[in-house]
C-alpha atoms as a PDB file:
ATOM      1  CA  MET A   1     -25.314   5.266-153.250  1.00  0.00           C
ATOM      2  CA  PRO A   2     -25.862   6.603-156.764  1.00  0.00           C
ATOM      3  CA  GLN A   3     -23.909   4.982-159.562  1.00  0.00           C
ATOM      4  CA  GLY A   4     -21.756   7.002-161.943  1.00  0.00           C
ATOM      5  CA  ALA A   5     -23.878   5.874-164.903  1.00  0.00           C
ATOM      6  CA  GLN A   6     -27.041   7.259-163.274  1.00  0.00           C
ATOM      7  CA  LEU A   7     -25.338  10.604-162.660  1.00  0.00           C
ATOM      8  CA  THR A   8     -24.002  10.653-166.225  1.00  0.00           C
ATOM      9  CA  ASN A   9     -27.557  10.122-167.508  1.00  0.00           C
ATOM     10  CA  ILE A  10     -28.713  13.094-165.444  1.00  0.00           C
ATOM     11  CA  ALA A  11     -25.803  15.205-166.750  1.00  0.00           C
ATOM     12  CA  ILE A  12     -26.603  14.233-170.356  1.00  0.00           C
ATOM     13  CA  GLY A  13     -30.263  15.168-169.879  1.00  0.00           C
ATOM     14  CA  LEU A  14     -29.388  18.548-168.399  1.00  0.00           C
ATOM     15  CA  CYS A  15     -26.758  19.219-171.074  1.00  0.00           C
ATOM     16  CA  GLY A  16     -29.087  18.362-173.948  1.00  0.00           C
ATOM     17  CA  SER A  17     -31.862  20.559-172.617  1.00  0.00           C
ATOM     18  CA  PHE A  18     -29.538  23.434-171.746  1.00  0.00           C
ATOM     19  CA  THR A  19     -27.893  23.608-175.185  1.00  0.00           C
ATOM     20  CA  SER A  20     -31.232  23.309-176.968  1.00  0.00           C
ATOM     21  CA  ARG A  21     -32.582  26.337-178.804  1.00  0.00           C
ATOM     22  CA  ASN A  22     -35.668  25.875-176.608  1.00  0.00           C
ATOM     23  CA  ASN A  23     -33.635  27.086-173.601  1.00  0.00           C
ATOM     24  CA  ASP A  24     -34.820  30.661-173.734  1.00  0.00           C
ATOM     25  CA  LEU A  25     -34.964  33.615-171.415  1.00  0.00           C
ATOM     26  CA  ASP A  26     -37.600  36.215-172.272  1.00  0.00           C
ATOM     27  CA  GLY A  27     -37.815  34.807-175.811  1.00  0.00           C
ATOM     28  CA  TYR A  28     -34.066  34.800-176.529  1.00  0.00           C
ATOM     29  CA  TRP A  29     -31.593  31.909-176.408  1.00  0.00           C
ATOM     30  CA  SER A  30     -30.143  31.742-172.888  1.00  0.00           C
ATOM     31  CA  ILE A  31     -26.652  30.852-174.097  1.00  0.00           C
ATOM     32  CA  GLY A  32     -26.454  34.056-176.149  1.00  0.00           C
ATOM     33  CA  LYS A  33     -27.587  36.038-173.114  1.00  0.00           C
ATOM     34  CA  LEU A  34     -25.026  34.224-170.934  1.00  0.00           C
ATOM     35  CA  ARG A  35     -22.374  35.138-173.514  1.00  0.00           C
ATOM     36  CA  SER A  36     -23.406  38.788-173.117  1.00  0.00           C
ATOM     37  CA  LEU A  37     -23.134  38.436-169.329  1.00  0.00           C
ATOM     38  CA  ALA A  38     -19.607  37.048-169.643  1.00  0.00           C
ATOM     39  CA  ASP A  39     -18.629  39.868-172.028  1.00  0.00           C
ATOM     40  CA  ARG A  40     -20.007  42.546-169.670  1.00  0.00           C
ATOM     41  CA  HIS A  41     -17.799  41.196-166.879  1.00  0.00           C
ATOM     42  CA  GLY A  42     -14.736  40.646-169.091  1.00  0.00           C
ATOM     43  CA  ARG A  43     -14.937  36.875-168.528  1.00  0.00           C
ATOM     44  CA  THR A  44     -14.730  33.935-170.879  1.00  0.00           C
ATOM     45  CA  ALA A  45     -16.684  31.535-168.656  1.00  0.00           C
ATOM     46  CA  VAL A  46     -19.975  31.376-166.778  1.00  0.00           C
ATOM     47  CA  VAL A  47     -20.836  28.760-164.140  1.00  0.00           C
ATOM     48  CA  LEU A  48     -24.347  27.963-162.945  1.00  0.00           C
ATOM     49  CA  ASP A  49     -24.622  26.142-159.613  1.00  0.00           C
ATOM     50  CA  LEU A  50     -27.982  24.382-159.564  1.00  0.00           C
ATOM     51  CA  LEU A  51     -27.806  23.391-155.893  1.00  0.00           C
ATOM     52  CA  THR A  52     -27.345  26.933-154.594  1.00  0.00           C
ATOM     53  CA  SER A  53     -29.252  28.535-157.494  1.00  0.00           C
ATOM     54  CA  SER A  54     -26.347  30.887-158.111  1.00  0.00           C
ATOM     55  CA  ILE A  55     -24.415  32.055-161.141  1.00  0.00           C
ATOM     56  CA  HIS A  56     -20.875  33.338-161.529  1.00  0.00           C
ATOM     57  CA  PRO A  57     -20.486  36.100-162.556  1.00  0.00           C
ATOM     58  CA  SER A  58     -23.493  37.068-160.511  1.00  0.00           C
ATOM     59  CA  SER A  59     -26.717  38.234-162.170  1.00  0.00           C
ATOM     60  CA  SER A  60     -30.331  38.154-161.020  1.00  0.00           C
ATOM     61  CA  GLU A  61     -31.449  38.163-164.673  1.00  0.00           C
ATOM     62  CA  PHE A  62     -30.987  34.380-164.871  1.00  0.00           C
ATOM     63  CA  ALA A  63     -33.087  33.407-161.836  1.00  0.00           C
ATOM     64  CA  THR A  64     -35.748  31.757-164.022  1.00  0.00           C
ATOM     65  CA  VAL A  65     -33.116  29.731-165.912  1.00  0.00           C
ATOM     66  CA  LEU A  66     -31.580  28.576-162.626  1.00  0.00           C
ATOM     67  CA  ALA A  67     -35.012  27.633-161.263  1.00  0.00           C
ATOM     68  CA  ARG A  68     -35.920  25.758-164.467  1.00  0.00           C
ATOM     69  CA  TYR A  69     -32.739  23.680-164.435  1.00  0.00           C
ATOM     70  CA  ARG A  70     -32.841  23.036-160.693  1.00  0.00           C
ATOM     71  CA  HIS A  71     -36.365  21.698-161.213  1.00  0.00           C
ATOM     72  CA  LEU A  72     -35.147  19.546-164.128  1.00  0.00           C
ATOM     73  CA  LEU A  73     -32.267  18.270-161.955  1.00  0.00           C
ATOM     74  CA  ALA A  74     -34.746  17.256-159.250  1.00  0.00           C
ATOM     75  CA  LYS A  75     -37.003  15.581-161.812  1.00  0.00           C
ATOM     76  CA  LEU A  76     -34.159  13.629-163.458  1.00  0.00           C
ATOM     77  CA  ALA A  77     -32.763  12.630-160.064  1.00  0.00           C
ATOM     78  CA  GLY A  78     -36.179  11.369-159.003  1.00  0.00           C
ATOM     79  CA  LEU A  79     -36.548   9.350-162.198  1.00  0.00           C
ATOM     80  CA  SER A  80     -33.145   7.785-161.442  1.00  0.00           C
ATOM     81  CA  ARG A  81     -34.225   7.122-157.840  1.00  0.00           C
ATOM     82  CA  ILE A  82     -31.555   9.461-156.480  1.00  0.00           C
ATOM     83  CA  ARG A  83     -32.435  11.825-153.665  1.00  0.00           C
ATOM     84  CA  LEU A  84     -31.594  15.428-154.461  1.00  0.00           C
ATOM     85  CA  GLU A  85     -29.975  15.642-150.994  1.00  0.00           C
ATOM     86  CA  ASP A  86     -27.414  13.008-152.092  1.00  0.00           C
ATOM     87  CA  ILE A  87     -26.168  15.232-154.926  1.00  0.00           C
ATOM     88  CA  THR A  88     -23.233  17.337-153.738  1.00  0.00           C
ATOM     89  CA  VAL A  89     -22.301  19.147-156.984  1.00  0.00           C
ATOM     90  CA  ALA A  90     -24.514  20.203-159.898  1.00  0.00           C
ATOM     91  CA  HIS A  91     -22.710  22.670-162.172  1.00  0.00           C
ATOM     92  CA  ILE A  92     -23.286  23.844-165.712  1.00  0.00           C
ATOM     93  CA  ALA A  93     -20.098  25.520-166.953  1.00  0.00           C
ATOM     94  CA  LEU A  94     -19.932  27.462-170.215  1.00  0.00           C
ATOM     95  CA  ASP A  95     -16.586  28.317-171.805  1.00  0.00           C
ATOM     96  CA  PHE A  96     -16.764  30.978-174.504  1.00  0.00           C
ATOM     97  CA  ALA A  97     -13.051  30.740-175.374  1.00  0.00           C
ATOM     98  CA  PRO A  98     -12.390  27.003-175.768  1.00  0.00           C
ATOM     99  CA  ALA A  99      -9.560  25.494-177.776  1.00  0.00           C
ATOM    100  CA  PRO A 100     -10.795  25.832-181.367  1.00  0.00           C
ATOM    101  CA  TRP A 101     -11.898  22.815-183.361  1.00  0.00           C
ATOM    102  CA  PRO A 102     -11.868  22.629-187.166  1.00  0.00           C
ATOM    103  CA  ARG A 103     -14.996  23.286-189.155  1.00  0.00           C
ATOM    104  CA  ILE A 104     -15.290  23.015-192.897  1.00  0.00           C
ATOM    105  CA  SER A 105     -16.556  26.272-194.427  1.00  0.00           C
ATOM    106  CA  TYR A 106     -17.042  27.866-190.999  1.00  0.00           C
ATOM    107  CA  TYR A 107     -18.657  31.286-191.432  1.00  0.00           C
ATOM    108  CA  LYS A 108     -18.014  33.129-188.173  1.00  0.00           C
ATOM    109  CA  PRO A 109     -20.251  36.184-188.832  1.00  0.00           C
ATOM    110  CA  GLN A 110     -23.264  33.885-189.159  1.00  0.00           C
ATOM    111  CA  TRP A 111     -22.451  31.102-186.667  1.00  0.00           C
ATOM    112  CA  GLY A 112     -20.654  33.187-184.033  1.00  0.00           C
ATOM    113  CA  ASP A 113     -17.822  31.991-181.814  1.00  0.00           C
ATOM    114  CA  GLN A 114     -17.299  28.492-180.531  1.00  0.00           C
ATOM    115  CA  PHE A 115     -18.365  27.584-177.005  1.00  0.00           C
ATOM    116  CA  THR A 116     -18.448  24.475-174.850  1.00  0.00           C
ATOM    117  CA  VAL A 117     -20.770  23.357-172.077  1.00  0.00           C
ATOM    118  CA  ALA A 118     -19.745  20.923-169.346  1.00  0.00           C
ATOM    119  CA  VAL A 119     -22.345  19.580-166.918  1.00  0.00           C
ATOM    120  CA  THR A 120     -20.970  17.958-163.767  1.00  0.00           C
ATOM    121  CA  ILE A 121     -23.080  16.033-161.272  1.00  0.00           C
ATOM    122  CA  ASN A 122     -21.421  14.526-158.173  1.00  0.00           C
ATOM    123  CA  ALA A 123     -22.960  12.564-155.337  1.00  0.00           C
ATOM    124  CA  ASP A 124     -21.375  11.878-151.956  1.00  0.00           C
ATOM    125  CA  GLY A 125     -17.991  12.897-153.386  1.00  0.00           C
ATOM    126  CA  ARG A 126     -17.506   9.409-154.835  1.00  0.00           C
ATOM    127  CA  ALA A 127     -19.573   9.090-157.986  1.00  0.00           C
ATOM    128  CA  ALA A 128     -19.522  11.613-160.834  1.00  0.00           C
ATOM    129  CA  GLY A 129     -21.446  12.177-164.026  1.00  0.00           C
ATOM    130  CA  ILE A 130     -20.143  14.526-166.709  1.00  0.00           C
ATOM    131  CA  ALA A 131     -21.543  15.545-170.101  1.00  0.00           C
ATOM    132  CA  HIS A 132     -20.030  17.873-172.715  1.00  0.00           C
ATOM    133  CA  HIS A 133     -21.393  19.742-175.706  1.00  0.00           C
ATOM    134  CA  GLY A 134     -19.893  22.224-178.151  1.00  0.00           C
ATOM    135  CA  GLY A 135     -21.564  24.755-180.373  1.00  0.00           C
ATOM    136  CA  TYR A 136     -21.520  28.257-181.798  1.00  0.00           C
ATOM    137  CA  CYS A 137     -23.077  31.466-180.535  1.00  0.00           C
ATOM    138  CA  ARG A 138     -22.871  35.216-180.632  1.00  0.00           C
ATOM    139  CA  ALA A 139     -23.506  37.563-177.770  1.00  0.00           C
ATOM    140  CA  HIS A 140     -27.191  38.443-177.387  1.00  0.00           C
ATOM    141  CA  ASP A 141     -28.211  41.294-179.679  1.00  0.00           C
ATOM    142  CA  PRO A 142     -31.961  42.059-179.747  1.00  0.00           C
ATOM    143  CA  VAL A 143     -31.497  44.132-182.925  1.00  0.00           C
ATOM    144  CA  ARG A 144     -30.230  41.107-184.910  1.00  0.00           C
ATOM    145  CA  GLU A 145     -32.352  38.416-183.249  1.00  0.00           C
ATOM    146  CA  CYS A 146     -36.004  37.502-183.495  1.00  0.00           C
ATOM    147  CA  ARG A 147     -37.760  37.009-180.202  1.00  0.00           C
ATOM    148  CA  SER A 148     -39.460  33.655-179.744  1.00  0.00           C
ATOM    149  CA  ALA A 149     -43.230  33.791-179.849  1.00  0.00           C
ATOM    150  CA  ARG A 150     -43.632  30.568-177.841  1.00  0.00           C
ATOM    151  CA  PRO A 151     -45.853  30.942-174.759  1.00  0.00           C
END
């Protein structure tokens, strides 16, 4: 049976990659696009389920992001010698209305609103791995943003 520390390592790896500015969708930061998805549906949260490759609120636009992180989950599980079939929960939850935290000289128009990410990995209902990250983002706006030129 997987140990909690192994699952936490997987959660930390997923969380770090997901919150990275290299997590893009069509050249734009995925978290900004997820913020736009939440706003369109009048929600403050978005949940990605990596096991079922689904997102709530639903959107087919994020299929490549779901596939990328399901593949990363499988890779990290394999490196930890955990079978993907043993993982029962693999969620990435974004909260775009978290309890605020203080920031010295916080400039909201430039940084955007605060958000949090929680990655939860469970196996066999007994062991759990959780990782958290907080940051700042605005809703996706192609007029204000530069598209990534990375291949």
